[in-house]
Amino acid sequence: MPVVTIRMAEGRTLEQKRKLAGEITAAIVGTLGVDPERVMVFFEELESENIARAGRLLSES
């Protein structure tokens, strides 16, 4: 069973996550030849205060 975990800053819409999950699933099915029912996609949404880039918290940018 392929499992994909996506960590990203919060703020994406439900529709964006639906689309991304569908496209990732399709890519895995096409590449690995597995049944789409076997593909799991997890979204981990992080608050911007828990992400830093270039030494600065995103919440302070």
PDB file of N, CA and C in Angstrom:
ATOM      1  N   MET A   1       0.845  -1.177   0.000  1.00  0.00           N
ATOM      2  CA  MET A   1       0.000   0.000   0.000  1.00  0.00           C
ATOM      3  C   MET A   1       0.892   1.242   0.000  1.00  0.00           C
ATOM      4  N   PRO A   2       0.922   2.019  -1.073  1.00  0.00           N
ATOM      5  CA  PRO A   2       1.685   3.264  -1.090  1.00  0.00           C
ATOM      6  C   PRO A   2       1.069   4.299  -0.144  1.00  0.00           C
ATOM      7  N   VAL A   3       1.924   4.942   0.634  1.00  0.00           N
ATOM      8  CA  VAL A   3       1.495   5.983   1.567  1.00  0.00           C
ATOM      9  C   VAL A   3       2.318   7.232   1.283  1.00  0.00           C
ATOM     10  N   VAL A   4       1.638   8.350   1.092  1.00  0.00           N
ATOM     11  CA  VAL A   4       2.297   9.630   0.836  1.00  0.00           C
ATOM     12  C   VAL A   4       1.884  10.588   1.939  1.00  0.00           C
ATOM     13  N   THR A   5       2.865  11.245   2.552  1.00  0.00           N
ATOM     14  CA  THR A   5       2.586  12.261   3.557  1.00  0.00           C
ATOM     15  C   THR A   5       3.076  13.602   3.034  1.00  0.00           C
ATOM     16  N   ILE A   6       2.201  14.585   3.073  1.00  0.00           N
ATOM     17  CA  ILE A   6       2.530  15.930   2.608  1.00  0.00           C
ATOM     18  C   ILE A   6       2.453  16.860   3.810  1.00  0.00           C
ATOM     19  N   ARG A   7       3.565  17.490   4.126  1.00  0.00           N
ATOM     20  CA  ARG A   7       3.593  18.488   5.193  1.00  0.00           C
ATOM     21  C   ARG A   7       3.634  19.849   4.531  1.00  0.00           C
ATOM     22  N   MET A   8       2.731  20.714   4.958  1.00  0.00           N
ATOM     23  CA  MET A   8       2.660  22.040   4.346  1.00  0.00           C
ATOM     24  C   MET A   8       2.041  23.020   5.325  1.00  0.00           C
ATOM     25  N   ALA A   9       2.266  24.288   5.052  1.00  0.00           N
ATOM     26  CA  ALA A   9       1.644  25.333   5.864  1.00  0.00           C
ATOM     27  C   ALA A   9       0.134  25.269   5.688  1.00  0.00           C
ATOM     28  N   GLU A  10      -0.565  25.566   6.762  1.00  0.00           N
ATOM     29  CA  GLU A  10      -2.022  25.576   6.687  1.00  0.00           C
ATOM     30  C   GLU A  10      -2.488  26.681   5.757  1.00  0.00           C
ATOM     31  N   GLY A  11      -3.735  26.569   5.308  1.00  0.00           N
ATOM     32  CA  GLY A  11      -4.303  27.639   4.505  1.00  0.00           C
ATOM     33  C   GLY A  11      -4.772  27.211   3.126  1.00  0.00           C
ATOM     34  N   ARG A  12      -4.507  25.961   2.741  1.00  0.00           N
ATOM     35  CA  ARG A  12      -5.012  25.486   1.440  1.00  0.00           C
ATOM     36  C   ARG A  12      -6.495  25.150   1.578  1.00  0.00           C
ATOM     37  N   THR A  13      -7.205  25.298   0.486  1.00  0.00           N
ATOM     38  CA  THR A  13      -8.641  25.010   0.517  1.00  0.00           C
ATOM     39  C   THR A  13      -8.876  23.507   0.407  1.00  0.00           C
ATOM     40  N   LEU A  14     -10.064  23.101   0.763  1.00  0.00           N
ATOM     41  CA  LEU A  14     -10.457  21.705   0.629  1.00  0.00           C
ATOM     42  C   LEU A  14     -10.375  21.269  -0.829  1.00  0.00           C
ATOM     43  N   GLU A  15     -10.776  22.143  -1.738  1.00  0.00           N
ATOM     44  CA  GLU A  15     -10.714  21.820  -3.171  1.00  0.00           C
ATOM     45  C   GLU A  15      -9.273  21.621  -3.633  1.00  0.00           C
ATOM     46  N   GLN A  16      -8.356  22.444  -3.162  1.00  0.00           N
ATOM     47  CA  GLN A  16      -6.943  22.271  -3.525  1.00  0.00           C
ATOM     48  C   GLN A  16      -6.415  20.921  -3.034  1.00  0.00           C
ATOM     49  N   LYS A  17      -6.785  20.549  -1.814  1.00  0.00           N
ATOM     50  CA  LYS A  17      -6.329  19.263  -1.274  1.00  0.00           C
ATOM     51  C   LYS A  17      -6.972  18.099  -2.017  1.00  0.00           C
ATOM     52  N   ARG A  18      -8.232  18.221  -2.386  1.00  0.00           N
ATOM     53  CA  ARG A  18      -8.890  17.173  -3.193  1.00  0.00           C
ATOM     54  C   ARG A  18      -8.165  16.961  -4.516  1.00  0.00           C
ATOM     55  N   LYS A  19      -7.863  18.084  -5.176  1.00  0.00           N
ATOM     56  CA  LYS A  19      -7.186  18.010  -6.473  1.00  0.00           C
ATOM     57  C   LYS A  19      -5.807  17.385  -6.334  1.00  0.00           C
ATOM     58  N   LEU A  20      -5.050  17.830  -5.354  1.00  0.00           N
ATOM     59  CA  LEU A  20      -3.714  17.298  -5.148  1.00  0.00           C
ATOM     60  C   LEU A  20      -3.755  15.810  -4.814  1.00  0.00           C
ATOM     61  N   ALA A  21      -4.667  15.404  -3.947  1.00  0.00           N
ATOM     62  CA  ALA A  21      -4.800  13.984  -3.606  1.00  0.00           C
ATOM     63  C   ALA A  21      -5.128  13.162  -4.845  1.00  0.00           C
ATOM     64  N   GLY A  22      -6.008  13.660  -5.692  1.00  0.00           N
ATOM     65  CA  GLY A  22      -6.372  12.956  -6.919  1.00  0.00           C
ATOM     66  C   GLY A  22      -5.208  12.831  -7.885  1.00  0.00           C
ATOM     67  N   GLU A  23      -4.440  13.911  -8.034  1.00  0.00           N
ATOM     68  CA  GLU A  23      -3.309  13.894  -8.960  1.00  0.00           C
ATOM     69  C   GLU A  23      -2.181  13.002  -8.455  1.00  0.00           C
ATOM     70  N   ILE A  24      -1.924  13.035  -7.159  1.00  0.00           N
ATOM     71  CA  ILE A  24      -0.898  12.158  -6.584  1.00  0.00           C
ATOM     72  C   ILE A  24      -1.317  10.700  -6.734  1.00  0.00           C
ATOM     73  N   THR A  25      -2.578  10.418  -6.430  1.00  0.00           N
ATOM     74  CA  THR A  25      -3.080   9.049  -6.570  1.00  0.00           C
ATOM     75  C   THR A  25      -2.948   8.572  -8.005  1.00  0.00           C
ATOM     76  N   ALA A  26      -3.340   9.403  -8.961  1.00  0.00           N
ATOM     77  CA  ALA A  26      -3.250   9.029 -10.376  1.00  0.00           C
ATOM     78  C   ALA A  26      -1.809   8.750 -10.783  1.00  0.00           C
ATOM     79  N   ALA A  27      -0.864   9.561 -10.292  1.00  0.00           N
ATOM     80  CA  ALA A  27       0.549   9.349 -10.627  1.00  0.00           C
ATOM     81  C   ALA A  27       1.055   8.023 -10.065  1.00  0.00           C
ATOM     82  N   ILE A  28       0.674   7.703  -8.857  1.00  0.00           N
ATOM     83  CA  ILE A  28       1.106   6.444  -8.246  1.00  0.00           C
ATOM     84  C   ILE A  28       0.485   5.260  -8.971  1.00  0.00           C
ATOM     85  N   VAL A  29      -0.799   5.355  -9.279  1.00  0.00           N
ATOM     86  CA  VAL A  29      -1.473   4.288 -10.008  1.00  0.00           C
ATOM     87  C   VAL A  29      -0.810   4.081 -11.370  1.00  0.00           C
ATOM     88  N   GLY A  30      -0.539   5.171 -12.082  1.00  0.00           N
ATOM     89  CA  GLY A  30       0.073   5.077 -13.403  1.00  0.00           C
ATOM     90  C   GLY A  30       1.489   4.542 -13.375  1.00  0.00           C
ATOM     91  N   THR A  31       2.232   4.891 -12.353  1.00  0.00           N
ATOM     92  CA  THR A  31       3.633   4.485 -12.264  1.00  0.00           C
ATOM     93  C   THR A  31       3.802   3.093 -11.667  1.00  0.00           C
ATOM     94  N   LEU A  32       3.066   2.803 -10.603  1.00  0.00           N
ATOM     95  CA  LEU A  32       3.238   1.538  -9.896  1.00  0.00           C
ATOM     96  C   LEU A  32       2.221   0.472 -10.281  1.00  0.00           C
ATOM     97  N   GLY A  33       1.151   0.894 -10.957  1.00  0.00           N
ATOM     98  CA  GLY A  33       0.136  -0.071 -11.377  1.00  0.00           C
ATOM     99  C   GLY A  33      -0.680  -0.649 -10.238  1.00  0.00           C
ATOM    100  N   VAL A  34      -0.818   0.112  -9.143  1.00  0.00           N
ATOM    101  CA  VAL A  34      -1.610  -0.373  -8.010  1.00  0.00           C
ATOM    102  C   VAL A  34      -3.049   0.113  -8.126  1.00  0.00           C
ATOM    103  N   ASP A  35      -3.929  -0.535  -7.413  1.00  0.00           N
ATOM    104  CA  ASP A  35      -5.339  -0.134  -7.343  1.00  0.00           C
ATOM    105  C   ASP A  35      -5.413   1.194  -6.589  1.00  0.00           C
ATOM    106  N   PRO A  36      -6.166   2.175  -7.095  1.00  0.00           N
ATOM    107  CA  PRO A  36      -6.261   3.467  -6.400  1.00  0.00           C
ATOM    108  C   PRO A  36      -6.777   3.337  -4.964  1.00  0.00           C
ATOM    109  N   GLU A  37      -7.549   2.302  -4.701  1.00  0.00           N
ATOM    110  CA  GLU A  37      -8.066   2.082  -3.343  1.00  0.00           C
ATOM    111  C   GLU A  37      -6.952   1.771  -2.349  1.00  0.00           C
ATOM    112  N   ARG A  38      -5.774   1.416  -2.845  1.00  0.00           N
ATOM    113  CA  ARG A  38      -4.643   1.063  -1.985  1.00  0.00           C
ATOM    114  C   ARG A  38      -3.761   2.270  -1.663  1.00  0.00           C
ATOM    115  N   VAL A  39      -4.001   3.399  -2.328  1.00  0.00           N
ATOM    116  CA  VAL A  39      -3.147   4.578  -2.159  1.00  0.00           C
ATOM    117  C   VAL A  39      -3.690   5.451  -1.024  1.00  0.00           C
ATOM    118  N   MET A  40      -2.811   5.786  -0.088  1.00  0.00           N
ATOM    119  CA  MET A  40      -3.181   6.656   1.030  1.00  0.00           C
ATOM    120  C   MET A  40      -2.395   7.956   0.914  1.00  0.00           C
ATOM    121  N   VAL A  41      -3.080   9.101   1.073  1.00  0.00           N
ATOM    122  CA  VAL A  41      -2.425  10.406   1.077  1.00  0.00           C
ATOM    123  C   VAL A  41      -2.798  11.104   2.387  1.00  0.00           C
ATOM    124  N   PHE A  42      -1.779  11.505   3.141  1.00  0.00           N
ATOM    125  CA  PHE A  42      -1.999  12.210   4.396  1.00  0.00           C
ATOM    126  C   PHE A  42      -1.527  13.647   4.245  1.00  0.00           C
ATOM    127  N   PHE A  43      -2.341  14.588   4.696  1.00  0.00           N
ATOM    128  CA  PHE A  43      -1.957  15.988   4.719  1.00  0.00           C
ATOM    129  C   PHE A  43      -1.700  16.382   6.167  1.00  0.00           C
ATOM    130  N   GLU A  44      -0.516  16.880   6.431  1.00  0.00           N
ATOM    131  CA  GLU A  44      -0.184  17.423   7.739  1.00  0.00           C
ATOM    132  C   GLU A  44      -0.048  18.926   7.577  1.00  0.00           C
ATOM    133  N   GLU A  45      -0.976  19.659   8.147  1.00  0.00           N
ATOM    134  CA  GLU A  45      -0.956  21.111   8.027  1.00  0.00           C
ATOM    135  C   GLU A  45      -0.331  21.717   9.275  1.00  0.00           C
ATOM    136  N   LEU A  46       0.669  22.545   9.041  1.00  0.00           N
ATOM    137  CA  LEU A  46       1.411  23.163  10.126  1.00  0.00           C
ATOM    138  C   LEU A  46       1.074  24.641  10.219  1.00  0.00           C
ATOM    139  N   GLU A  47       0.965  25.131  11.441  1.00  0.00           N
ATOM    140  CA  GLU A  47       0.749  26.562  11.641  1.00  0.00           C
ATOM    141  C   GLU A  47       2.030  27.299  11.249  1.00  0.00           C
ATOM    142  N   SER A  48       1.879  28.494  10.708  1.00  0.00           N
ATOM    143  CA  SER A  48       3.038  29.242  10.221  1.00  0.00           C
ATOM    144  C   SER A  48       4.030  29.559  11.327  1.00  0.00           C
ATOM    145  N   GLU A  49       3.596  29.548  12.581  1.00  0.00           N
ATOM    146  CA  GLU A  49       4.530  29.784  13.690  1.00  0.00           C
ATOM    147  C   GLU A  49       5.428  28.568  13.946  1.00  0.00           C
ATOM    148  N   ASN A  50       5.115  27.446  13.293  1.00  0.00           N
ATOM    149  CA  ASN A  50       5.904  26.227  13.457  1.00  0.00           C
ATOM    150  C   ASN A  50       6.780  25.923  12.250  1.00  0.00           C
ATOM    151  N   ILE A  51       6.923  26.896  11.343  1.00  0.00           N
ATOM    152  CA  ILE A  51       7.748  26.723  10.149  1.00  0.00           C
ATOM    153  C   ILE A  51       8.679  27.919  10.035  1.00  0.00           C
ATOM    154  N   ALA A  52       9.955  27.634   9.776  1.00  0.00           N
ATOM    155  CA  ALA A  52      10.918  28.716   9.570  1.00  0.00           C
ATOM    156  C   ALA A  52      11.585  28.533   8.211  1.00  0.00           C
ATOM    157  N   ARG A  53      11.866  29.640   7.554  1.00  0.00           N
ATOM    158  CA  ARG A  53      12.611  29.647   6.296  1.00  0.00           C
ATOM    159  C   ARG A  53      13.642  30.759   6.390  1.00  0.00           C
ATOM    160  N   ALA A  54      14.858  30.453   6.028  1.00  0.00           N
ATOM    161  CA  ALA A  54      15.952  31.422   6.087  1.00  0.00           C
ATOM    162  C   ALA A  54      16.102  32.017   7.489  1.00  0.00           C
ATOM    163  N   GLY A  55      15.838  31.199   8.513  1.00  0.00           N
ATOM    164  CA  GLY A  55      16.029  31.625   9.884  1.00  0.00           C
ATOM    165  C   GLY A  55      14.915  32.461  10.484  1.00  0.00           C
ATOM    166  N   ARG A  56      13.817  32.617   9.731  1.00  0.00           N
ATOM    167  CA  ARG A  56      12.685  33.419  10.224  1.00  0.00           C
ATOM    168  C   ARG A  56      11.418  32.595  10.222  1.00  0.00           C
ATOM    169  N   LEU A  57      10.622  32.725  11.274  1.00  0.00           N
ATOM    170  CA  LEU A  57       9.334  32.056  11.312  1.00  0.00           C
ATOM    171  C   LEU A  57       8.418  32.654  10.241  1.00  0.00           C
ATOM    172  N   LEU A  58       7.669  31.810   9.579  1.00  0.00           N
ATOM    173  CA  LEU A  58       6.754  32.316   8.556  1.00  0.00           C
ATOM    174  C   LEU A  58       5.714  33.254   9.152  1.00  0.00           C
ATOM    175  N   SER A  59       5.347  33.029  10.390  1.00  0.00           N
ATOM    176  CA  SER A  59       4.348  33.898  11.042  1.00  0.00           C
ATOM    177  C   SER A  59       4.877  35.307  11.239  1.00  0.00           C
ATOM    178  N   GLU A  60       6.192  35.504  11.152  1.00  0.00           N
ATOM    179  CA  GLU A  60       6.800  36.828  11.351  1.00  0.00           C
ATOM    180  C   GLU A  60       7.235  37.462  10.032  1.00  0.00           C
ATOM    181  N   SER A  61       6.900  36.828   8.940  1.00  0.00           N
ATOM    182  CA  SER A  61       7.302  37.374   7.640  1.00  0.00           C
ATOM    183  C   SER A  61       6.275  38.312   7.076  1.00  0.00           C
TER     184      SER A  61
END
